[in-house]
Amino acid sequence: MSIQDIAKLSGVSITTVSRYFNMPDKVSAATAKRICEASEQLHYKPRVRRPGPKTMERMGIRSGLIVLLFLGKVRPNTVQTFPSLSLLMASIQDELNRRHLSLIIEQIKDNGDIPEVVDPRYCDGLILHGLPQTEKVRKELQRVLQTLPAIWTGMESDPNLPKIDEVLFDNDTIGTLAADYLCENGHKNVALVSTASQHPAFSGRISHFQKQAKMLGMHCQLFETALEEFPTYAAICQHLAKQLCAKATSYTAIFFCADDAMLGITQEMRVLGCDISRYTLLGVNNDHTYLRFFDHKPASVDFKPAYLGRLTVDQLLRRINGRIEDLPATIKIHPEVNTTSLPLI
């Protein structure tokens, strides 16, 4: 099968089909859907290494492989403890698939070695998440970053490594927005809840929430734990629920650093006999996986992990293809408080 067959079946020109495979952003959603359906019907898959001249969108593509490398304590097998990271990974995977590229997920080996696939002979680019835990890993990364286009996603990069592009969640603004929202809704006494006090994302949300709350004349009580202090996530939720119920009359609103924590902890508070309906609840992630279990959807700060994933891929490919030669950029995704109701299922 060829693109001529796809063009005939989908009712578009050969040029449009070629543009869809090489520059998908230049094709309308309706046309892209028709071409995609025709491709699937004809079982057509474009080759990564294609004959003829390359388009600007694939000028630096050789293997068609992009590596997502986890550096810190978060590993692919523990990603479920951070739902926002699952959304980010899915977005990166979807965007690469849309551009007909493949994703390999790797982590630093137990002995500190960088996986063999992180090499310009085997992959075209590198997406980094987390921070190196040892000096050995840092030195290895210094070598890798001299030979591979790379980008940091989600969390800020290691300041001791060469500067590269970053596409980041704006955790500081999340905390500020949350305090503003609760103040605008008339709350003066608020509870702030974190299930992972040492996590850099949560610590940024906490500190900026507290700073903004103080500036707005709000009284803020912090309830927090560290993940490693408890055997299960359920135990964390039970512990924090007991603390919150013990001071149930001292606050009128609760800000949770993540939606999954908001669901788990409020469920445990109900078990303890606490009337959750008396409080204004505010979470982070705007994750419908958890918000749909509430009788009335709480507000949630949307930090747009899906958009961050797409932007990460776009910026990396621009580097790979030589379309930007500027100094490395730091791009922060601005969050928004989402108060809209969930669609009926």
C-alpha atoms as a PDB file:
ATOM      1  CA  MET A   1       0.000   0.000   0.000  1.00  0.00           C
ATOM      2  CA  SER A   2       1.128   3.563  -0.660  1.00  0.00           C
ATOM      3  CA  ILE A   3       0.071   7.126   0.108  1.00  0.00           C
ATOM      4  CA  GLN A   4      -1.596   7.191  -3.316  1.00  0.00           C
ATOM      5  CA  ASP A   5      -4.008   4.487  -2.100  1.00  0.00           C
ATOM      6  CA  ILE A   6      -4.649   6.412   1.110  1.00  0.00           C
ATOM      7  CA  ALA A   7      -5.308   9.621  -0.832  1.00  0.00           C
ATOM      8  CA  LYS A   8      -7.828   7.858  -3.053  1.00  0.00           C
ATOM      9  CA  LEU A   9      -9.653   6.191  -0.141  1.00  0.00           C
ATOM     10  CA  SER A  10      -9.779   9.326   2.027  1.00  0.00           C
ATOM     11  CA  GLY A  11     -10.714  11.639  -0.855  1.00  0.00           C
ATOM     12  CA  VAL A  12      -7.786  14.049  -0.504  1.00  0.00           C
ATOM     13  CA  SER A  13      -4.686  14.833  -2.520  1.00  0.00           C
ATOM     14  CA  ILE A  14      -1.392  12.945  -2.270  1.00  0.00           C
ATOM     15  CA  THR A  15       0.189  16.190  -1.064  1.00  0.00           C
ATOM     16  CA  THR A  16      -2.275  16.378   1.829  1.00  0.00           C
ATOM     17  CA  VAL A  17      -1.530  12.781   2.849  1.00  0.00           C
ATOM     18  CA  SER A  18       2.209  13.507   2.762  1.00  0.00           C
ATOM     19  CA  ARG A  19       1.652  16.631   4.860  1.00  0.00           C
ATOM     20  CA  TYR A  20      -0.336  14.585   7.392  1.00  0.00           C
ATOM     21  CA  PHE A  21       2.545  12.137   7.911  1.00  0.00           C
ATOM     22  CA  ASN A  22       5.269  14.775   7.994  1.00  0.00           C
ATOM     23  CA  MET A  23       3.601  17.929   9.362  1.00  0.00           C
ATOM     24  CA  PRO A  24       0.412  16.825  11.167  1.00  0.00           C
ATOM     25  CA  ASP A  25      -0.110  20.299  12.649  1.00  0.00           C
ATOM     26  CA  LYS A  26      -0.729  21.627   9.137  1.00  0.00           C
ATOM     27  CA  VAL A  27      -3.738  19.342   8.521  1.00  0.00           C
ATOM     28  CA  SER A  28      -7.240  20.052   9.855  1.00  0.00           C
ATOM     29  CA  ALA A  29      -8.692  17.694  12.469  1.00  0.00           C
ATOM     30  CA  ALA A  30     -11.442  16.479  10.115  1.00  0.00           C
ATOM     31  CA  THR A  31      -8.999  15.726   7.285  1.00  0.00           C
ATOM     32  CA  ALA A  32      -6.532  14.091   9.665  1.00  0.00           C
ATOM     33  CA  LYS A  33      -9.289  11.801  10.930  1.00  0.00           C
ATOM     34  CA  ARG A  34     -10.159  10.664   7.384  1.00  0.00           C
ATOM     35  CA  ILE A  35      -6.520   9.998   6.518  1.00  0.00           C
ATOM     36  CA  CYS A  36      -5.956   8.150   9.800  1.00  0.00           C
ATOM     37  CA  GLU A  37      -9.006   5.943   9.223  1.00  0.00           C
ATOM     38  CA  ALA A  38      -7.905   5.193   5.651  1.00  0.00           C
ATOM     39  CA  SER A  39      -4.392   4.323   6.853  1.00  0.00           C
ATOM     40  CA  GLU A  40      -5.759   1.920   9.437  1.00  0.00           C
ATOM     41  CA  GLN A  41      -8.136   0.356   6.927  1.00  0.00           C
ATOM     42  CA  LEU A  42      -5.254  -0.224   4.503  1.00  0.00           C
ATOM     43  CA  HIS A  43      -2.859  -1.284   7.317  1.00  0.00           C
ATOM     44  CA  TYR A  44      -0.371   1.366   6.236  1.00  0.00           C
ATOM     45  CA  LYS A  45       2.483   2.375   8.527  1.00  0.00           C
ATOM     46  CA  PRO A  46       5.027   4.988   7.408  1.00  0.00           C
ATOM     47  CA  ARG A  47       8.653   4.002   7.631  1.00  0.00           C
ATOM     48  CA  VAL A  48      10.841   5.950  10.023  1.00  0.00           C
ATOM     49  CA  ARG A  49      13.666   5.980   7.501  1.00  0.00           C
ATOM     50  CA  ARG A  50      12.071   7.126   4.271  1.00  0.00           C
ATOM     51  CA  PRO A  51      13.603   7.535   0.816  1.00  0.00           C
ATOM     52  CA  GLY A  52      13.900  10.917  -0.831  1.00  0.00           C
ATOM     53  CA  PRO A  53      14.447  14.367   0.686  1.00  0.00           C
ATOM     54  CA  LYS A  54      13.414  14.944   4.284  1.00  0.00           C
ATOM     55  CA  THR A  55      10.900  17.561   5.355  1.00  0.00           C
ATOM     56  CA  MET A  56      11.862  20.238   7.857  1.00  0.00           C
ATOM     57  CA  GLU A  57       9.808  18.345  10.440  1.00  0.00           C
ATOM     58  CA  ARG A  58      12.064  15.255  10.185  1.00  0.00           C
ATOM     59  CA  MET A  59      15.426  16.720   9.230  1.00  0.00           C
ATOM     60  CA  GLY A  60      17.176  15.351  12.326  1.00  0.00           C
ATOM     61  CA  ILE A  61      15.255  12.066  12.630  1.00  0.00           C
ATOM     62  CA  ARG A  62      17.347   8.945  12.073  1.00  0.00           C
ATOM     63  CA  SER A  63      16.117   6.130  14.338  1.00  0.00           C
ATOM     64  CA  GLY A  64      12.650   7.500  15.111  1.00  0.00           C
ATOM     65  CA  LEU A  65      13.181   6.745  18.824  1.00  0.00           C
ATOM     66  CA  ILE A  66      12.886   9.191  21.730  1.00  0.00           C
ATOM     67  CA  VAL A  67      13.931   8.138  25.253  1.00  0.00           C
ATOM     68  CA  LEU A  68      12.121   9.263  28.416  1.00  0.00           C
ATOM     69  CA  LEU A  69      14.668   8.804  31.210  1.00  0.00           C
ATOM     70  CA  PHE A  70      13.696   8.826  34.899  1.00  0.00           C
ATOM     71  CA  LEU A  71      16.524  10.105  37.081  1.00  0.00           C
ATOM     72  CA  GLY A  72      15.124  10.413  40.577  1.00  0.00           C
ATOM     73  CA  LYS A  73      13.152   8.358  43.063  1.00  0.00           C
ATOM     74  CA  VAL A  74      10.111   8.162  40.808  1.00  0.00           C
ATOM     75  CA  ARG A  75      10.403   5.098  38.598  1.00  0.00           C
ATOM     76  CA  PRO A  76       8.150   3.790  35.816  1.00  0.00           C
ATOM     77  CA  ASN A  77       6.897   1.047  38.144  1.00  0.00           C
ATOM     78  CA  THR A  78       5.889   3.565  40.859  1.00  0.00           C
ATOM     79  CA  VAL A  79       4.392   6.241  38.622  1.00  0.00           C
ATOM     80  CA  GLN A  80       0.878   5.373  39.824  1.00  0.00           C
ATOM     81  CA  THR A  81       1.667   7.156  43.113  1.00  0.00           C
ATOM     82  CA  PHE A  82       1.857  10.431  41.156  1.00  0.00           C
ATOM     83  CA  PRO A  83      -1.219  10.542  38.875  1.00  0.00           C
ATOM     84  CA  SER A  84      -0.119  13.772  37.192  1.00  0.00           C
ATOM     85  CA  LEU A  85       3.007  11.987  35.966  1.00  0.00           C
ATOM     86  CA  SER A  86       0.840   9.295  34.364  1.00  0.00           C
ATOM     87  CA  LEU A  87      -1.028  12.030  32.471  1.00  0.00           C
ATOM     88  CA  LEU A  88       2.265  13.604  31.396  1.00  0.00           C
ATOM     89  CA  MET A  89       3.676  10.289  30.149  1.00  0.00           C
ATOM     90  CA  ALA A  90       0.495   9.497  28.238  1.00  0.00           C
ATOM     91  CA  SER A  91       0.571  12.910  26.570  1.00  0.00           C
ATOM     92  CA  ILE A  92       4.201  12.476  25.501  1.00  0.00           C
ATOM     93  CA  GLN A  93       3.411   9.020  24.105  1.00  0.00           C
ATOM     94  CA  ASP A  94       0.331  10.263  22.220  1.00  0.00           C
ATOM     95  CA  GLU A  95       2.170  13.225  20.694  1.00  0.00           C
ATOM     96  CA  LEU A  96       5.080  11.075  19.526  1.00  0.00           C
ATOM     97  CA  ASN A  97       2.649   8.539  18.053  1.00  0.00           C
ATOM     98  CA  ARG A  98       0.885  11.356  16.230  1.00  0.00           C
ATOM     99  CA  ARG A  99       4.216  12.323  14.704  1.00  0.00           C
ATOM    100  CA  HIS A 100       4.956   8.661  13.870  1.00  0.00           C
ATOM    101  CA  LEU A 101       7.816   8.371  16.363  1.00  0.00           C
ATOM    102  CA  SER A 102       8.367   5.850  19.147  1.00  0.00           C
ATOM    103  CA  LEU A 103       8.946   6.282  22.887  1.00  0.00           C
ATOM    104  CA  ILE A 104      11.283   4.211  25.041  1.00  0.00           C
ATOM    105  CA  ILE A 105      10.902   4.585  28.823  1.00  0.00           C
ATOM    106  CA  GLU A 106      14.081   3.976  30.806  1.00  0.00           C
ATOM    107  CA  GLN A 107      15.507   4.598  34.267  1.00  0.00           C
ATOM    108  CA  ILE A 108      18.976   4.888  35.779  1.00  0.00           C
ATOM    109  CA  LYS A 109      20.316   1.428  36.574  1.00  0.00           C
ATOM    110  CA  ASP A 110      20.929   0.378  40.177  1.00  0.00           C
ATOM    111  CA  ASN A 111      24.692   0.754  39.696  1.00  0.00           C
ATOM    112  CA  GLY A 112      24.244   4.308  38.428  1.00  0.00           C
ATOM    113  CA  ASP A 113      24.882   3.568  34.753  1.00  0.00           C
ATOM    114  CA  ILE A 114      22.967   5.348  31.996  1.00  0.00           C
ATOM    115  CA  PRO A 115      20.989   2.847  29.830  1.00  0.00           C
ATOM    116  CA  GLU A 116      22.798   1.907  26.626  1.00  0.00           C
ATOM    117  CA  VAL A 117      19.961   3.171  24.426  1.00  0.00           C
ATOM    118  CA  VAL A 118      20.692   6.760  25.559  1.00  0.00           C
ATOM    119  CA  ASP A 119      23.152   7.234  22.735  1.00  0.00           C
ATOM    120  CA  PRO A 120      22.922   9.106  19.398  1.00  0.00           C
ATOM    121  CA  ARG A 121      23.558   5.788  17.641  1.00  0.00           C
ATOM    122  CA  TYR A 122      20.259   4.427  18.952  1.00  0.00           C
ATOM    123  CA  CYS A 123      17.926   7.378  19.641  1.00  0.00           C
ATOM    124  CA  ASP A 124      17.269  10.853  18.283  1.00  0.00           C
ATOM    125  CA  GLY A 125      16.547  12.722  21.510  1.00  0.00           C
ATOM    126  CA  LEU A 126      16.179  12.539  25.265  1.00  0.00           C
ATOM    127  CA  ILE A 127      13.436  13.660  27.671  1.00  0.00           C
ATOM    128  CA  LEU A 128      14.579  13.895  31.309  1.00  0.00           C
ATOM    129  CA  HIS A 129      12.443  13.779  34.440  1.00  0.00           C
ATOM    130  CA  GLY A 130      13.664  14.043  38.032  1.00  0.00           C
ATOM    131  CA  LEU A 131      17.079  14.892  39.400  1.00  0.00           C
ATOM    132  CA  PRO A 132      20.297  12.802  39.407  1.00  0.00           C
ATOM    133  CA  GLN A 133      20.836  11.166  42.779  1.00  0.00           C
ATOM    134  CA  THR A 134      24.607  10.590  42.597  1.00  0.00           C
ATOM    135  CA  GLU A 135      27.695  12.346  41.274  1.00  0.00           C
ATOM    136  CA  LYS A 136      28.314   9.384  38.953  1.00  0.00           C
ATOM    137  CA  VAL A 137      24.958   9.907  37.243  1.00  0.00           C
ATOM    138  CA  ARG A 138      25.610  13.643  36.994  1.00  0.00           C
ATOM    139  CA  LYS A 139      28.943  13.057  35.237  1.00  0.00           C
ATOM    140  CA  GLU A 140      27.377  10.558  32.849  1.00  0.00           C
ATOM    141  CA  LEU A 141      24.654  13.047  31.988  1.00  0.00           C
ATOM    142  CA  GLN A 142      27.212  15.766  31.298  1.00  0.00           C
ATOM    143  CA  ARG A 143      28.709  13.481  28.655  1.00  0.00           C
ATOM    144  CA  VAL A 144      25.316  12.548  27.173  1.00  0.00           C
ATOM    145  CA  LEU A 145      24.088  16.145  26.944  1.00  0.00           C
ATOM    146  CA  GLN A 146      27.047  17.028  24.727  1.00  0.00           C
ATOM    147  CA  THR A 147      25.946  14.544  22.073  1.00  0.00           C
ATOM    148  CA  LEU A 148      22.123  14.302  22.238  1.00  0.00           C
ATOM    149  CA  PRO A 149      19.346  16.887  21.930  1.00  0.00           C
ATOM    150  CA  ALA A 150      17.572  16.812  25.298  1.00  0.00           C
ATOM    151  CA  ILE A 151      14.865  18.535  27.308  1.00  0.00           C
ATOM    152  CA  TRP A 152      13.806  18.545  30.957  1.00  0.00           C
ATOM    153  CA  THR A 153      10.079  18.053  31.559  1.00  0.00           C
ATOM    154  CA  GLY A 154       7.838  18.585  34.583  1.00  0.00           C
ATOM    155  CA  MET A 155      10.512  19.433  37.147  1.00  0.00           C
ATOM    156  CA  GLU A 156      13.359  21.931  37.059  1.00  0.00           C
ATOM    157  CA  SER A 157      16.773  20.732  35.918  1.00  0.00           C
ATOM    158  CA  ASP A 158      19.920  20.178  37.940  1.00  0.00           C
ATOM    159  CA  PRO A 159      21.751  23.542  38.129  1.00  0.00           C
ATOM    160  CA  ASN A 160      25.095  21.698  38.102  1.00  0.00           C
ATOM    161  CA  LEU A 161      24.468  20.294  34.618  1.00  0.00           C
ATOM    162  CA  PRO A 162      24.716  22.082  31.255  1.00  0.00           C
ATOM    163  CA  LYS A 163      21.656  24.249  30.637  1.00  0.00           C
ATOM    164  CA  ILE A 164      19.090  22.678  28.285  1.00  0.00           C
ATOM    165  CA  ASP A 165      15.461  23.440  27.420  1.00  0.00           C
ATOM    166  CA  GLU A 166      12.899  23.004  30.200  1.00  0.00           C
ATOM    167  CA  VAL A 167       9.115  22.702  29.987  1.00  0.00           C
ATOM    168  CA  LEU A 168       7.816  22.873  33.554  1.00  0.00           C
ATOM    169  CA  PHE A 169       4.774  22.799  35.775  1.00  0.00           C
ATOM    170  CA  ASP A 170       4.444  26.147  37.563  1.00  0.00           C
ATOM    171  CA  ASN A 171       4.037  24.767  41.084  1.00  0.00           C
ATOM    172  CA  ASP A 172       4.669  28.120  42.754  1.00  0.00           C
ATOM    173  CA  THR A 173       1.762  29.728  40.902  1.00  0.00           C
ATOM    174  CA  ILE A 174      -0.468  26.746  41.772  1.00  0.00           C
ATOM    175  CA  GLY A 175      -0.105  27.590  45.464  1.00  0.00           C
ATOM    176  CA  THR A 176      -0.695  31.295  44.882  1.00  0.00           C
ATOM    177  CA  LEU A 177      -3.800  30.696  42.743  1.00  0.00           C
ATOM    178  CA  ALA A 178      -5.235  28.326  45.345  1.00  0.00           C
ATOM    179  CA  ALA A 179      -4.918  30.898  48.134  1.00  0.00           C
ATOM    180  CA  ASP A 180      -6.435  33.613  45.926  1.00  0.00           C
ATOM    181  CA  TYR A 181      -9.402  31.389  45.019  1.00  0.00           C
ATOM    182  CA  LEU A 182     -10.257  30.509  48.622  1.00  0.00           C
ATOM    183  CA  CYS A 183      -9.872  34.115  49.757  1.00  0.00           C
ATOM    184  CA  GLU A 184     -12.145  35.328  46.944  1.00  0.00           C
ATOM    185  CA  ASN A 185     -14.742  32.830  48.163  1.00  0.00           C
ATOM    186  CA  GLY A 186     -14.751  34.400  51.622  1.00  0.00           C
ATOM    187  CA  HIS A 187     -12.551  31.984  53.589  1.00  0.00           C
ATOM    188  CA  LYS A 188     -10.295  33.246  56.371  1.00  0.00           C
ATOM    189  CA  ASN A 189      -9.405  29.945  58.067  1.00  0.00           C
ATOM    190  CA  VAL A 190      -8.126  27.233  55.757  1.00  0.00           C
ATOM    191  CA  ALA A 191      -6.462  23.824  55.962  1.00  0.00           C
ATOM    192  CA  LEU A 192      -3.561  22.911  53.667  1.00  0.00           C
ATOM    193  CA  VAL A 193      -2.985  19.183  53.080  1.00  0.00           C
ATOM    194  CA  SER A 194       0.061  17.434  51.567  1.00  0.00           C
ATOM    195  CA  THR A 195       0.733  13.697  51.334  1.00  0.00           C
ATOM    196  CA  ALA A 196       4.349  14.110  50.186  1.00  0.00           C
ATOM    197  CA  SER A 197       5.944  16.971  52.076  1.00  0.00           C
ATOM    198  CA  GLN A 198       9.441  16.349  50.662  1.00  0.00           C
ATOM    199  CA  HIS A 199       8.357  16.189  47.040  1.00  0.00           C
ATOM    200  CA  PRO A 200       9.695  19.316  45.255  1.00  0.00           C
ATOM    201  CA  ALA A 201       6.401  19.922  43.434  1.00  0.00           C
ATOM    202  CA  PHE A 202       4.361  19.766  46.646  1.00  0.00           C
ATOM    203  CA  SER A 203       6.834  21.853  48.641  1.00  0.00           C
ATOM    204  CA  GLY A 204       6.547  24.653  46.064  1.00  0.00           C
ATOM    205  CA  ARG A 205       2.748  24.584  46.238  1.00  0.00           C
ATOM    206  CA  ILE A 206       2.810  24.600  50.036  1.00  0.00           C
ATOM    207  CA  SER A 207       5.279  27.459  50.515  1.00  0.00           C
ATOM    208  CA  HIS A 208       3.583  29.760  48.008  1.00  0.00           C
ATOM    209  CA  PHE A 209       0.115  28.967  49.339  1.00  0.00           C
ATOM    210  CA  GLN A 210       1.274  29.858  52.850  1.00  0.00           C
ATOM    211  CA  LYS A 211       2.987  33.044  51.666  1.00  0.00           C
ATOM    212  CA  GLN A 212      -0.054  34.225  49.708  1.00  0.00           C
ATOM    213  CA  ALA A 213      -2.494  33.255  52.464  1.00  0.00           C
ATOM    214  CA  LYS A 214      -0.519  35.296  54.984  1.00  0.00           C
ATOM    215  CA  MET A 215      -0.467  38.296  52.663  1.00  0.00           C
ATOM    216  CA  LEU A 216      -4.263  38.010  52.253  1.00  0.00           C
ATOM    217  CA  GLY A 217      -4.828  37.861  56.019  1.00  0.00           C
ATOM    218  CA  MET A 218      -5.868  34.194  56.061  1.00  0.00           C
ATOM    219  CA  HIS A 219      -5.045  31.747  58.853  1.00  0.00           C
ATOM    220  CA  CYS A 220      -3.534  28.564  57.404  1.00  0.00           C
ATOM    221  CA  GLN A 221      -3.082  25.204  59.165  1.00  0.00           C
ATOM    222  CA  LEU A 222      -0.722  22.685  57.529  1.00  0.00           C
ATOM    223  CA  PHE A 223      -1.438  18.941  57.673  1.00  0.00           C
ATOM    224  CA  GLU A 224       1.299  16.901  56.022  1.00  0.00           C
ATOM    225  CA  THR A 225       3.096  13.559  55.897  1.00  0.00           C
ATOM    226  CA  ALA A 226       5.904  11.967  53.930  1.00  0.00           C
ATOM    227  CA  LEU A 227       5.170   8.980  51.681  1.00  0.00           C
ATOM    228  CA  GLU A 228       7.959   6.901  53.187  1.00  0.00           C
ATOM    229  CA  GLU A 229       6.502   7.204  56.704  1.00  0.00           C
ATOM    230  CA  PHE A 230       3.566   4.872  55.942  1.00  0.00           C
ATOM    231  CA  PRO A 231       3.304   1.395  54.389  1.00  0.00           C
ATOM    232  CA  THR A 232       0.385   2.280  52.095  1.00  0.00           C
ATOM    233  CA  TYR A 233      -1.306   5.302  50.577  1.00  0.00           C
ATOM    234  CA  ALA A 234      -4.499   4.314  52.382  1.00  0.00           C
ATOM    235  CA  ALA A 235      -2.650   4.601  55.699  1.00  0.00           C
ATOM    236  CA  ILE A 236      -1.549   8.130  54.766  1.00  0.00           C
ATOM    237  CA  CYS A 237      -5.139   9.122  53.986  1.00  0.00           C
ATOM    238  CA  GLN A 238      -6.386   7.652  57.268  1.00  0.00           C
ATOM    239  CA  HIS A 239      -3.698   9.470  59.269  1.00  0.00           C
ATOM    240  CA  LEU A 240      -4.416  12.858  57.693  1.00  0.00           C
ATOM    241  CA  ALA A 241      -8.185  12.353  57.953  1.00  0.00           C
ATOM    242  CA  LYS A 242      -7.872  11.827  61.713  1.00  0.00           C
ATOM    243  CA  GLN A 243      -5.823  15.021  62.060  1.00  0.00           C
ATOM    244  CA  LEU A 244      -8.309  17.030  60.011  1.00  0.00           C
ATOM    245  CA  CYS A 245     -11.320  15.669  61.913  1.00  0.00           C
ATOM    246  CA  ALA A 246      -9.662  16.509  65.234  1.00  0.00           C
ATOM    247  CA  LYS A 247      -9.688  20.195  64.245  1.00  0.00           C
ATOM    248  CA  ALA A 248     -12.835  20.093  62.128  1.00  0.00           C
ATOM    249  CA  THR A 249     -14.233  23.385  63.438  1.00  0.00           C
ATOM    250  CA  SER A 250     -11.073  25.450  62.985  1.00  0.00           C
ATOM    251  CA  TYR A 251     -11.263  25.860  59.198  1.00  0.00           C
ATOM    252  CA  THR A 252     -13.912  26.340  56.493  1.00  0.00           C
ATOM    253  CA  ALA A 253     -11.972  25.291  53.396  1.00  0.00           C
ATOM    254  CA  ILE A 254      -9.355  22.653  52.538  1.00  0.00           C
ATOM    255  CA  PHE A 255      -6.690  22.875  49.840  1.00  0.00           C
ATOM    256  CA  PHE A 256      -5.274  19.481  48.825  1.00  0.00           C
ATOM    257  CA  CYS A 257      -2.013  19.356  46.870  1.00  0.00           C
ATOM    258  CA  ALA A 258      -3.475  16.668  44.561  1.00  0.00           C
ATOM    259  CA  ASP A 259      -6.917  15.403  43.526  1.00  0.00           C
ATOM    260  CA  ASP A 260      -6.201  11.766  44.440  1.00  0.00           C
ATOM    261  CA  ALA A 261      -5.365  12.869  47.987  1.00  0.00           C
ATOM    262  CA  MET A 262      -8.537  14.958  48.128  1.00  0.00           C
ATOM    263  CA  LEU A 263     -10.649  11.916  47.251  1.00  0.00           C
ATOM    264  CA  GLY A 264      -8.882   9.466  49.565  1.00  0.00           C
ATOM    265  CA  ILE A 265      -8.748  11.750  52.592  1.00  0.00           C
ATOM    266  CA  THR A 266     -12.323  13.038  52.326  1.00  0.00           C
ATOM    267  CA  GLN A 267     -13.585   9.474  52.059  1.00  0.00           C
ATOM    268  CA  GLU A 268     -11.767   8.607  55.284  1.00  0.00           C
ATOM    269  CA  MET A 269     -13.148  11.752  56.936  1.00  0.00           C
ATOM    270  CA  ARG A 270     -16.672  10.605  56.076  1.00  0.00           C
ATOM    271  CA  VAL A 271     -15.942   7.239  57.677  1.00  0.00           C
ATOM    272  CA  LEU A 272     -14.957   9.117  60.837  1.00  0.00           C
ATOM    273  CA  GLY A 273     -18.285  10.957  60.802  1.00  0.00           C
ATOM    274  CA  CYS A 274     -17.065  14.313  59.510  1.00  0.00           C
ATOM    275  CA  ASP A 275     -19.536  16.304  57.384  1.00  0.00           C
ATOM    276  CA  ILE A 276     -17.521  17.145  54.253  1.00  0.00           C
ATOM    277  CA  SER A 277     -20.316  19.242  52.761  1.00  0.00           C
ATOM    278  CA  ARG A 278     -19.566  22.020  55.259  1.00  0.00           C
ATOM    279  CA  TYR A 279     -16.206  22.743  53.605  1.00  0.00           C
ATOM    280  CA  THR A 280     -15.088  24.267  50.329  1.00  0.00           C
ATOM    281  CA  LEU A 281     -12.682  21.779  48.741  1.00  0.00           C
ATOM    282  CA  LEU A 282      -9.923  22.629  46.275  1.00  0.00           C
ATOM    283  CA  GLY A 283      -7.576  20.136  44.628  1.00  0.00           C
ATOM    284  CA  VAL A 284      -4.814  20.060  42.019  1.00  0.00           C
ATOM    285  CA  ASN A 285      -4.647  18.245  38.650  1.00  0.00           C
ATOM    286  CA  ASN A 286      -8.282  18.663  37.506  1.00  0.00           C
ATOM    287  CA  ASP A 287      -8.161  14.867  37.123  1.00  0.00           C
ATOM    288  CA  HIS A 288     -11.600  13.480  36.269  1.00  0.00           C
ATOM    289  CA  THR A 289     -10.414  10.000  37.296  1.00  0.00           C
ATOM    290  CA  TYR A 290     -10.875  11.155  40.903  1.00  0.00           C
ATOM    291  CA  LEU A 291     -13.212  14.141  40.680  1.00  0.00           C
ATOM    292  CA  ARG A 292     -16.062  12.088  39.197  1.00  0.00           C
ATOM    293  CA  PHE A 293     -16.491  10.264  42.527  1.00  0.00           C
ATOM    294  CA  PHE A 294     -17.652  13.425  44.317  1.00  0.00           C
ATOM    295  CA  ASP A 295     -21.378  14.156  44.509  1.00  0.00           C
ATOM    296  CA  HIS A 296     -20.575  17.746  43.610  1.00  0.00           C
ATOM    297  CA  LYS A 297     -17.327  18.274  41.711  1.00  0.00           C
ATOM    298  CA  PRO A 298     -14.872  20.387  43.740  1.00  0.00           C
ATOM    299  CA  ALA A 299     -12.804  23.080  42.088  1.00  0.00           C
ATOM    300  CA  SER A 300      -9.306  22.007  41.066  1.00  0.00           C
ATOM    301  CA  VAL A 301      -6.199  23.810  39.852  1.00  0.00           C
ATOM    302  CA  ASP A 302      -5.483  22.524  36.348  1.00  0.00           C
ATOM    303  CA  PHE A 303      -1.760  22.646  35.633  1.00  0.00           C
ATOM    304  CA  LYS A 304      -2.325  21.120  32.174  1.00  0.00           C
ATOM    305  CA  PRO A 305      -0.083  18.021  32.135  1.00  0.00           C
ATOM    306  CA  ALA A 306      -1.403  16.974  28.708  1.00  0.00           C
ATOM    307  CA  TYR A 307      -0.448  20.333  27.197  1.00  0.00           C
ATOM    308  CA  LEU A 308       2.935  20.174  28.932  1.00  0.00           C
ATOM    309  CA  GLY A 309       3.609  16.782  27.342  1.00  0.00           C
ATOM    310  CA  ARG A 310       2.747  18.024  23.850  1.00  0.00           C
ATOM    311  CA  LEU A 311       4.884  21.131  24.289  1.00  0.00           C
ATOM    312  CA  THR A 312       7.802  19.013  25.556  1.00  0.00           C
ATOM    313  CA  VAL A 313       7.746  16.902  22.397  1.00  0.00           C
ATOM    314  CA  ASP A 314       7.361  19.928  20.128  1.00  0.00           C
ATOM    315  CA  GLN A 315      10.289  21.798  21.696  1.00  0.00           C
ATOM    316  CA  LEU A 316      12.544  18.723  21.604  1.00  0.00           C
ATOM    317  CA  LEU A 317      11.768  18.021  17.943  1.00  0.00           C
ATOM    318  CA  ARG A 318      12.485  21.636  17.064  1.00  0.00           C
ATOM    319  CA  ARG A 319      15.945  21.166  18.595  1.00  0.00           C
ATOM    320  CA  ILE A 320      16.456  17.805  16.873  1.00  0.00           C
ATOM    321  CA  ASN A 321      15.508  19.250  13.481  1.00  0.00           C
ATOM    322  CA  GLY A 322      17.640  22.361  13.910  1.00  0.00           C
ATOM    323  CA  ARG A 323      14.659  24.691  13.682  1.00  0.00           C
ATOM    324  CA  ILE A 324      15.805  26.678  16.739  1.00  0.00           C
ATOM    325  CA  GLU A 325      19.366  27.626  17.602  1.00  0.00           C
ATOM    326  CA  ASP A 326      18.630  30.066  20.404  1.00  0.00           C
ATOM    327  CA  LEU A 327      19.911  29.649  23.935  1.00  0.00           C
ATOM    328  CA  PRO A 328      18.043  27.000  25.997  1.00  0.00           C
ATOM    329  CA  ALA A 329      14.586  28.158  27.050  1.00  0.00           C
ATOM    330  CA  THR A 330      12.609  27.673  30.268  1.00  0.00           C
ATOM    331  CA  ILE A 331       8.882  27.404  29.525  1.00  0.00           C
ATOM    332  CA  LYS A 332       6.405  27.303  32.415  1.00  0.00           C
ATOM    333  CA  ILE A 333       2.801  26.253  31.860  1.00  0.00           C
ATOM    334  CA  HIS A 334       0.416  28.680  33.563  1.00  0.00           C
ATOM    335  CA  PRO A 335      -2.209  26.857  35.686  1.00  0.00           C
ATOM    336  CA  GLU A 336      -5.890  27.792  36.008  1.00  0.00           C
ATOM    337  CA  VAL A 337      -8.551  27.090  38.635  1.00  0.00           C
ATOM    338  CA  ASN A 338     -11.240  24.929  37.006  1.00  0.00           C
ATOM    339  CA  THR A 339     -14.720  25.155  38.498  1.00  0.00           C
ATOM    340  CA  THR A 340     -16.754  23.643  35.650  1.00  0.00           C
ATOM    341  CA  SER A 341     -18.990  20.635  36.237  1.00  0.00           C
ATOM    342  CA  LEU A 342     -18.059  17.224  34.869  1.00  0.00           C
ATOM    343  CA  PRO A 343     -19.967  15.948  31.821  1.00  0.00           C
ATOM    344  CA  LEU A 344     -22.644  13.359  32.527  1.00  0.00           C
ATOM    345  CA  ILE A 345     -21.494   9.790  31.838  1.00  0.00           C
END
